[in-house]
Each structure stands twice: as C-alpha cells, then as structure tokens.
C-alpha atoms as a PDB file:
ATOM      1  CA  LEU A   1     122.033 152.554  66.070  1.00  0.00           C
ATOM      2  CA  LYS A   2     119.734 155.473  66.408  1.00  0.00           C
ATOM      3  CA  GLU A   3     121.016 157.849  63.887  1.00  0.00           C
ATOM      4  CA  ALA A   4     120.472 155.216  61.247  1.00  0.00           C
ATOM      5  CA  GLY A   5     116.748 155.041  62.273  1.00  0.00           C
ATOM      6  CA  PHE A   6     116.311 152.219  64.764  1.00  0.00           C
ATOM      7  CA  VAL A   7     113.969 152.864  67.125  1.00  0.00           C
ATOM      8  CA  ALA A   8     113.392 149.244  68.928  1.00  0.00           C
ATOM      9  CA  LEU A   9     115.843 146.158  69.432  1.00  0.00           C
ATOM     10  CA  ARG A  10     114.906 143.013  70.794  1.00  0.00           C
ATOM     11  CA  PHE A  11     117.946 141.285  72.491  1.00  0.00           C
ATOM     12  CA  GLY A  12     118.144 137.474  72.554  1.00  0.00           C
ATOM     13  CA  VAL A  13     119.987 137.620  75.838  1.00  0.00           C
ATOM     14  CA  ASP A  14     118.444 134.115  76.937  1.00  0.00           C
ATOM     15  CA  ALA A  15     120.485 134.033  80.064  1.00  0.00           C
ATOM     16  CA  PHE A  16     120.420 136.503  82.848  1.00  0.00           C
ATOM     17  CA  SER A  17     123.068 135.012  85.113  1.00  0.00           C
ATOM     18  CA  GLU A  18     126.814 134.688  84.708  1.00  0.00           C
ATOM     19  CA  ASN A  19     126.556 130.867  84.815  1.00  0.00           C
ATOM     20  CA  THR A  20     123.644 130.271  82.467  1.00  0.00           C
ATOM     21  CA  LEU A  21     125.274 132.796  79.900  1.00  0.00           C
ATOM     22  CA  ARG A  22     128.479 130.609  79.933  1.00  0.00           C
ATOM     23  CA  LEU A  23     126.622 127.584  79.905  1.00  0.00           C
ATOM     24  CA  GLN A  24     124.761 129.060  76.338  1.00  0.00           C
ATOM     25  CA  MET A  25     128.204 129.883  75.160  1.00  0.00           C
ATOM     26  CA  LYS A  26     126.775 133.445  74.545  1.00  0.00           C
ATOM     27  CA  GLY A  27     130.405 135.028  74.590  1.00  0.00           C
ATOM     28  CA  TYR A  28     129.252 138.043  77.103  1.00  0.00           C
ATOM     29  CA  ASN A  29     128.443 138.584  80.729  1.00  0.00           C
ATOM     30  CA  THR A  30     126.021 140.150  83.025  1.00  0.00           C
ATOM     31  CA  ASP A  31     128.018 143.529  82.873  1.00  0.00           C
ATOM     32  CA  MET A  32     127.790 143.542  79.234  1.00  0.00           C
ATOM     33  CA  VAL A  33     124.306 143.135  79.177  1.00  0.00           C
ATOM     34  CA  SER A  34     123.660 145.963  81.599  1.00  0.00           C
ATOM     35  CA  GLN A  35     125.929 148.056  79.664  1.00  0.00           C
ATOM     36  CA  ASN A  36     123.991 147.219  76.156  1.00  0.00           C
ATOM     37  CA  LEU A  37     120.645 147.902  77.691  1.00  0.00           C
ATOM     38  CA  ARG A  38     121.517 151.078  79.345  1.00  0.00           C
ATOM     39  CA  ASP A  39     123.449 152.644  76.211  1.00  0.00           C
ATOM     40  CA  CYS A  40     120.487 151.716  74.073  1.00  0.00           C
ATOM     41  CA  ALA A  41     117.668 152.957  76.263  1.00  0.00           C
ATOM     42  CA  GLU A  42     119.733 156.112  77.033  1.00  0.00           C
ATOM     43  CA  ALA A  43     120.152 156.522  73.172  1.00  0.00           C
ATOM     44  CA  GLY A  44     116.167 156.361  73.016  1.00  0.00           C
ATOM     45  CA  ILE A  45     115.844 152.841  71.381  1.00  0.00           C
ATOM     46  CA  TYR A  46     112.884 150.721  72.825  1.00  0.00           C
ATOM     47  CA  ILE A  47     114.639 147.828  74.400  1.00  0.00           C
ATOM     48  CA  GLU A  48     112.828 143.957  74.790  1.00  0.00           C
ATOM     49  CA  VAL A  49     114.657 140.833  75.986  1.00  0.00           C
ATOM     50  CA  ASN A  50     114.109 137.248  75.581  1.00  0.00           C
ATOM     51  CA  TRP A  51     114.616 134.665  78.247  1.00  0.00           C
ATOM     52  CA  VAL A  52     115.186 130.746  78.002  1.00  0.00           C
ATOM     53  CA  ILE A  53     114.586 128.966  81.146  1.00  0.00           C
ATOM     54  CA  GLY A  54     115.798 125.161  82.387  1.00  0.00           C
ATOM     55  CA  VAL A  55     119.001 125.209  80.227  1.00  0.00           C
ATOM     56  CA  PRO A  56     121.082 122.135  81.527  1.00  0.00           C
ATOM     57  CA  GLY A  57     123.711 123.373  84.182  1.00  0.00           C
ATOM     58  CA  GLU A  58     120.846 125.602  85.380  1.00  0.00           C
ATOM     59  CA  THR A  59     120.381 126.417  89.060  1.00  0.00           C
ATOM     60  CA  GLU A  60     117.994 127.830  91.582  1.00  0.00           C
ATOM     61  CA  ALA A  61     120.814 130.616  92.064  1.00  0.00           C
ATOM     62  CA  ASP A  62     121.014 131.551  88.682  1.00  0.00           C
ATOM     63  CA  ILE A  63     117.313 132.025  88.764  1.00  0.00           C
ATOM     64  CA  ASP A  64     117.528 134.367  91.853  1.00  0.00           C
ATOM     65  CA  GLU A  65     120.841 136.163  89.664  1.00  0.00           C
ATOM     66  CA  GLY A  66     118.544 136.693  86.570  1.00  0.00           C
ATOM     67  CA  ILE A  67     115.341 137.940  88.268  1.00  0.00           C
ATOM     68  CA  ASP A  68     117.666 140.567  90.110  1.00  0.00           C
ATOM     69  CA  LEU A  69     119.465 141.579  86.892  1.00  0.00           C
ATOM     70  CA  ILE A  70     116.098 142.225  84.954  1.00  0.00           C
ATOM     71  CA  ILE A  71     114.587 143.879  88.020  1.00  0.00           C
ATOM     72  CA  ARG A  72     117.739 146.103  88.522  1.00  0.00           C
ATOM     73  CA  ASN A  73     117.763 146.711  84.945  1.00  0.00           C
ATOM     74  CA  LYS A  74     113.973 147.386  84.389  1.00  0.00           C
ATOM     75  CA  GLU A  75     113.957 151.058  83.557  1.00  0.00           C
ATOM     76  CA  HIS A  76     116.079 149.971  80.390  1.00  0.00           C
ATOM     77  CA  ILE A  77     113.977 147.444  79.449  1.00  0.00           C
ATOM     78  CA  GLY A  78     110.800 148.411  77.424  1.00  0.00           C
ATOM     79  CA  ARG A  79     109.682 144.617  77.946  1.00  0.00           C
ATOM     80  CA  LEU A  80     110.215 141.114  78.504  1.00  0.00           C
ATOM     81  CA  ALA A  81     108.999 140.032  75.006  1.00  0.00           C
ATOM     82  CA  ASN A  82     109.514 136.111  75.242  1.00  0.00           C
ATOM     83  CA  ILE A  83     109.897 133.662  78.086  1.00  0.00           C
ATOM     84  CA  ASN A  84     109.890 130.271  77.689  1.00  0.00           C
ATOM     85  CA  THR A  85     110.876 126.812  78.800  1.00  0.00           C
ATOM     86  CA  LEU A  86     113.695 125.204  77.075  1.00  0.00           C
ATOM     87  CA  VAL A  87     112.926 123.429  73.745  1.00  0.00           C
ATOM     88  CA  LEU A  88     114.895 120.353  72.968  1.00  0.00           C
ATOM     89  CA  ALA A  89     114.738 121.364  69.062  1.00  0.00           C
ATOM     90  CA  ASN A  90     116.129 119.709  66.053  1.00  0.00           C
ATOM     91  CA  GLY A  91     119.679 121.685  65.417  1.00  0.00           C
ATOM     92  CA  SER A  92     120.367 122.972  68.526  1.00  0.00           C
ATOM     93  CA  VAL A  93     123.360 122.308  70.508  1.00  0.00           C
ATOM     94  CA  TYR A  94     121.264 120.095  72.940  1.00  0.00           C
ATOM     95  CA  TRP A  95     119.900 117.895  70.183  1.00  0.00           C
ATOM     96  CA  ILE A  96     123.336 117.440  68.469  1.00  0.00           C
ATOM     97  CA  ASP A  97     125.203 116.649  71.244  1.00  0.00           C
ATOM     98  CA  PRO A  98     122.585 115.757  74.461  1.00  0.00           C
ATOM     99  CA  GLU A  99     125.389 113.486  76.345  1.00  0.00           C
ATOM    100  CA  SER A 100     127.931 116.463  76.988  1.00  0.00           C
ATOM    101  CA  HIS A 101     125.065 118.437  78.566  1.00  0.00           C
ATOM    102  CA  ASN A 102     123.904 115.796  81.024  1.00  0.00           C
ATOM    103  CA  ILE A 103     120.584 115.376  78.891  1.00  0.00           C
ATOM    104  CA  VAL A 104     118.408 111.966  79.602  1.00  0.00           C
ATOM    105  CA  PHE A 105     116.083 110.695  77.335  1.00  0.00           C
ATOM    106  CA  HIS A 106     113.125 108.280  78.843  1.00  0.00           C
ATOM    107  CA  GLY A 107     113.497 105.531  76.234  1.00  0.00           C
ATOM    108  CA  ASP A 108     115.786 104.775  73.217  1.00  0.00           C
ATOM    109  CA  LYS A 109     117.408 108.024  72.253  1.00  0.00           C
ATOM    110  CA  GLU A 110     117.111 106.558  68.464  1.00  0.00           C
ATOM    111  CA  GLU A 111     113.335 105.858  68.616  1.00  0.00           C
ATOM    112  CA  VAL A 112     112.665 108.779  70.498  1.00  0.00           C
ATOM    113  CA  TYR A 113     114.615 111.312  67.977  1.00  0.00           C
ATOM    114  CA  GLY A 114     112.656 109.132  65.239  1.00  0.00           C
ATOM    115  CA  ALA A 115     109.349 109.584  66.433  1.00  0.00           C
ATOM    116  CA  ASN A 116     109.846 113.520  67.248  1.00  0.00           C
ATOM    117  CA  ALA A 117     111.887 115.064  64.127  1.00  0.00           C
ATOM    118  CA  ARG A 118     111.317 118.701  65.460  1.00  0.00           C
ATOM    119  CA  ALA A 119     111.243 118.528  68.879  1.00  0.00           C
ATOM    120  CA  ILE A 120     111.270 116.392  71.731  1.00  0.00           C
ATOM    121  CA  PRO A 121     108.470 116.610  74.101  1.00  0.00           C
ATOM    122  CA  ASP A 122     109.106 117.794  77.514  1.00  0.00           C
ATOM    123  CA  GLY A 123     107.898 114.562  79.656  1.00  0.00           C
ATOM    124  CA  MET A 124     110.440 112.604  77.097  1.00  0.00           C
ATOM    125  CA  TRP A 125     113.990 114.086  78.771  1.00  0.00           C
ATOM    126  CA  HIS A 126     115.622 115.467  81.802  1.00  0.00           C
ATOM    127  CA  SER A 127     119.271 116.822  82.288  1.00  0.00           C
ATOM    128  CA  GLU A 128     121.111 115.835  85.233  1.00  0.00           C
ATOM    129  CA  GLU A 129     123.571 117.833  87.555  1.00  0.00           C
ATOM    130  CA  PRO A 130     121.484 119.582  88.526  1.00  0.00           C
ATOM    131  CA  PHE A 131     118.125 117.623  87.820  1.00  0.00           C
ATOM    132  CA  ILE A 132     116.234 119.733  85.502  1.00  0.00           C
ATOM    133  CA  ASP A 133     112.783 117.930  84.061  1.00  0.00           C
ATOM    134  CA  GLY A 134     109.565 119.800  82.471  1.00  0.00           C
ATOM    135  CA  LYS A 135     108.130 120.063  86.037  1.00  0.00           C
ATOM    136  CA  VAL A 136     111.283 122.007  87.459  1.00  0.00           C
ATOM    137  CA  ARG A 137     111.296 123.980  84.677  1.00  0.00           C
ATOM    138  CA  ARG A 138     107.706 125.189  84.670  1.00  0.00           C
ATOM    139  CA  ALA A 139     108.273 125.819  88.572  1.00  0.00           C
ATOM    140  CA  ARG A 140     110.908 127.913  87.930  1.00  0.00           C
ATOM    141  CA  PHE A 141     109.446 129.930  84.737  1.00  0.00           C
ATOM    142  CA  SER A 142     106.267 130.551  87.365  1.00  0.00           C
ATOM    143  CA  ARG A 143     108.598 131.585  90.137  1.00  0.00           C
ATOM    144  CA  ILE A 144     110.361 134.044  87.730  1.00  0.00           C
ATOM    145  CA  ILE A 145     107.262 135.579  86.135  1.00  0.00           C
ATOM    146  CA  HIS A 146     105.542 136.101  89.396  1.00  0.00           C
ATOM    147  CA  ALA A 147     108.869 138.116  90.818  1.00  0.00           C
ATOM    148  CA  LEU A 148     108.854 139.959  87.472  1.00  0.00           C
ATOM    149  CA  HIS A 149     105.529 140.971  87.727  1.00  0.00           C
ATOM    150  CA  ASP A 150     105.939 141.730  91.480  1.00  0.00           C
ATOM    151  CA  GLY A 151     108.905 143.843  90.202  1.00  0.00           C
ATOM    152  CA  GLY A 152     107.300 145.896  88.049  1.00  0.00           C
ATOM    153  CA  VAL A 153     108.840 144.371  84.762  1.00  0.00           C
ATOM    154  CA  ASN A 154     106.907 144.871  81.986  1.00  0.00           C
ATOM    155  CA  ILE A 155     105.560 141.788  80.389  1.00  0.00           C
ATOM    156  CA  GLY A 156     104.899 141.936  76.288  1.00  0.00           C
ATOM    157  CA  ALA A 157     101.640 140.441  74.747  1.00  0.00           C
ATOM    158  CA  TRP A 158     103.718 137.429  73.239  1.00  0.00           C
ATOM    159  CA  ALA A 159     105.628 136.586  76.762  1.00  0.00           C
ATOM    160  CA  SER A 160     101.753 137.139  78.222  1.00  0.00           C
ATOM    161  CA  LYS A 161     100.551 134.305  76.354  1.00  0.00           C
ATOM    162  CA  VAL A 162     103.557 132.120  76.648  1.00  0.00           C
ATOM    163  CA  ILE A 163     103.111 132.555  80.596  1.00  0.00           C
ATOM    164  CA  ASP A 164      99.212 131.848  80.786  1.00  0.00           C
ATOM    165  CA  GLU A 165      99.871 128.448  78.397  1.00  0.00           C
ATOM    166  CA  THR A 166     102.848 127.456  80.762  1.00  0.00           C
ATOM    167  CA  LEU A 167     100.764 127.794  84.004  1.00  0.00           C
ATOM    168  CA  GLN A 168      97.860 126.027  82.332  1.00  0.00           C
ATOM    169  CA  ALA A 169     100.132 123.103  81.843  1.00  0.00           C
ATOM    170  CA  ALA A 170     101.477 123.722  85.146  1.00  0.00           C
ATOM    171  CA  SER A 171      97.963 123.610  86.499  1.00  0.00           C
ATOM    172  CA  SER A 172      97.454 120.483  84.592  1.00  0.00           C
ATOM    173  CA  ASP A 173     100.340 118.450  86.320  1.00  0.00           C
ATOM    174  CA  ALA A 174      99.201 119.523  89.573  1.00  0.00           C
ATOM    175  CA  GLU A 175      95.817 118.239  88.971  1.00  0.00           C
ATOM    176  CA  VAL A 176      97.087 114.903  87.592  1.00  0.00           C
ATOM    177  CA  GLU A 177      99.371 114.536  90.460  1.00  0.00           C
ATOM    178  CA  ALA A 178      96.466 115.384  92.992  1.00  0.00           C
ATOM    179  CA  GLU A 179      94.235 112.729  91.669  1.00  0.00           C
ATOM    180  CA  PRO A 180      94.230 109.483  93.825  1.00  0.00           C
ATOM    181  CA  GLU A 181      95.005 106.151  92.323  1.00  0.00           C
ATOM    182  CA  LYS A 182      91.653 104.297  91.228  1.00  0.00           C
ATOM    183  CA  ALA A 183      91.867 100.768  92.692  1.00  0.00           C
ATOM    184  CA  SER A 184      91.887  98.120  90.049  1.00  0.00           C
ATOM    185  CA  ASP A 185      89.049  95.521  90.122  1.00  0.00           C
END
C-alpha cells in the first residue's frame, strides 16, 4: 500500500474486544487488529480507527477490553476518527432482524418502523441480555472517551464533535432525571 502511494487509512474496526468483534461478525480478532495497526504504522501509513458503542450483547468487560486494546496500540493509531453509539439504522442487521439481537421496541414494531423510515430514535428501543438502552450506551461512551483521553489517545476533530454532542445529550438526560415531579392541581 505504501509503495502504491497510500499515506492514510481508516479502519472501520468498530469493535475492540473479542466478544464485540464476534457479535458484529467482523471475521477477525483483536490480535489481527493489533497486527494490522502495527504493520501499517511501521510502513509509514497514518491510521485512523472507528468505534461503535452499545451493540446488542456488549458487556462492561468488552468496554474494558476495548479501552485496553486501543491504549496498548495508541502508538500505531494516528487518531480515533469516529466514535458513536449504535444507531438502529435501516438496512443494518439490527434493523433487518432485531429479534435475533434481542432488540425490544418501546411500542409496536411496525408502527415504530413506519414512523422512522431511516433510523429508530434512541429512546424507542433497547437490547436485552444484557440490557442496553440509550442511557447505558451514553454512559459507556462517556467512560470510554475519558479513559482514552487519560490514556493519551489522539481524538480527531470529527470524533471530538461527536463526543461533545453525546456528552451534551447525557447531560440533558441527567437534568431531566434530577427535576422533581411537579404536583398536579
């Protein structure tokens, strides 16, 4: 690749634990991810990576493993280009077959799909085994970005924008939960 003129490459790794790579049916493992990152960096190719948080079946241990993998490989990663919570988007495996991913809708599935042709809003679904809703995804996201920052991982401009927006949403969630219930007349 380097000899052909490649100077940068973005890996859509999307998952950084053995379990989440398996859940996303990526076809590779964490050793392969580390080797590819190392090989490209040693060849002089600038590397960016993406990470998706909150896929059905993901655990807190997966988050820990993912943080560790990125921090261990940070010298081979130019930047974390994009990080986002899972979006239940039309055409994805989660949209096509939500039942096999333990996805539960907050309302009638067909009505939810009918009202949301491109993506299902965060608050209209969750996954089970383990339970993961928008609040869990945002909490994991926050934990990850703080750990990566503390670990010295370079966060790109787009990822920084996504981080800011996600943290603002989480802050809004916390404000809503903190408001006392108003007495009705």
